[in-house]
Amino acid sequence: MAKVLRCPACGALWRVDDGFSEPMLRCSECQAVFSADKVECVTVPDEVLSARLQLVEKAQARQAEEAAQGEAAMTKIAGDLEGFESRQTPASVTAPVVIERSGKSSHGVFWFFLLLIGLAVIAAAALLLGHRTVTAWMPQTRTIYEEVCTKLPCPGFVWQNAQAFRVTAEIEPPVAEASDADREMAELLPVVRASLVNGSPYPQRLPVLDLKLLDASGAVMASRVLEPADYGFASDTAVAPGYTVNARLTIKTPLPYAASRAAVTPVSDRP
C-alpha cells in the first residue's frame, strides 16, 4: 500500500511509506509548513497508484506532442511568409514595376510585424488575467508574477509574503465575574488575542502562525503552529493593504502554571 499526501498550499502530491508519521511537514515545492494531521491523505494499493501515474505521464506526453506540432506549424507559416517576401523580381519587369512591388513588400512586412505585436499583447493579457490557472499549474511561476504584478495590472492577484504582516499578541484575561476555579482553568488553558496588520502595499494571504507561551524568565512553556483554519479563517483569505485581522489563538493542552506573555510570529506563506 502507498500513502499519498497533498500539500495544502500548492496542491503538490507526495508519496510516502505507509508507516510515515512525522508531526510537521514542509513541502519541497512551495516550502509551506503545515501540520500532518491537517493534510489531505489517501492510502491506495501500489498497483492502482502506478496505473494512475502511467495515465498522467501519457497525458503529459500527449500535451507535449501537441505543443510541438503547434510550434512546427507556426514555424512553417513564418517560413512561408519569409519566402514570399524574399522572392526576386523577374529581370523582364521594368523599373517602375520594381518600385511598386517594393512598396507592397514593405507593407507586407509592416502588417506581419503588426500581427506579431498584436498576438504578443493578447498572450500577455491572457497570462495576466489567467494567473490563477498558471500558478496552480506551475507554482514556481508565482515569484515571477509577484514581480510582474507590481508593474502591470493582474486583476485579483494576491501576494503571499508572511513577513508583510505586523503581529501583536496578548493573553486574554479571565472574565472579571469568573469564579476562582474558572480563573485557574483560564490561566492553564489561555486564549491569546492576536492582531495581524498587512503592512505591504499589496493584498496578502493570511500566513501560518507560530504561537509560543512564555514564562516570567522568557522560557517557552508551550508552542503551536496554526494555519488560518486553526484561527478561524479560510486558507485563501486575503487581507487588503493596511487592514487588520483579529484572531483568537488557543492552547489545547493545559499548562503547568500560568504563562506571563505570548509571542506570535508569521512563519510561512500561504498558497
Foldseek 3Di string as FASTA:
>chain_A
DWKWWADQFQRDIDIDDPPDDDQWDADPQARAIDGPVPIDMDDDDPVVVVVVVVVVVVVVVVVVVVVVVVVVVVVVVVVVLVVVLPDDDDPPDDPVVVVVVVVVSVVSVVVVVVVVVVVVVVVVVCCLAVVVVVCSVPVVCLVVCVVVCVPDPRPPDAAWDQVQKDKDKWWDQDDPPDDPVSNFQCQQKIKMKMKIFRQDQGKHFHFWKKKFFAAPVRDTQDIDIGQCVQFPDDLRDIDHHGDMDMTIHIDDGTTPGGTDTMDMGGDGTGD
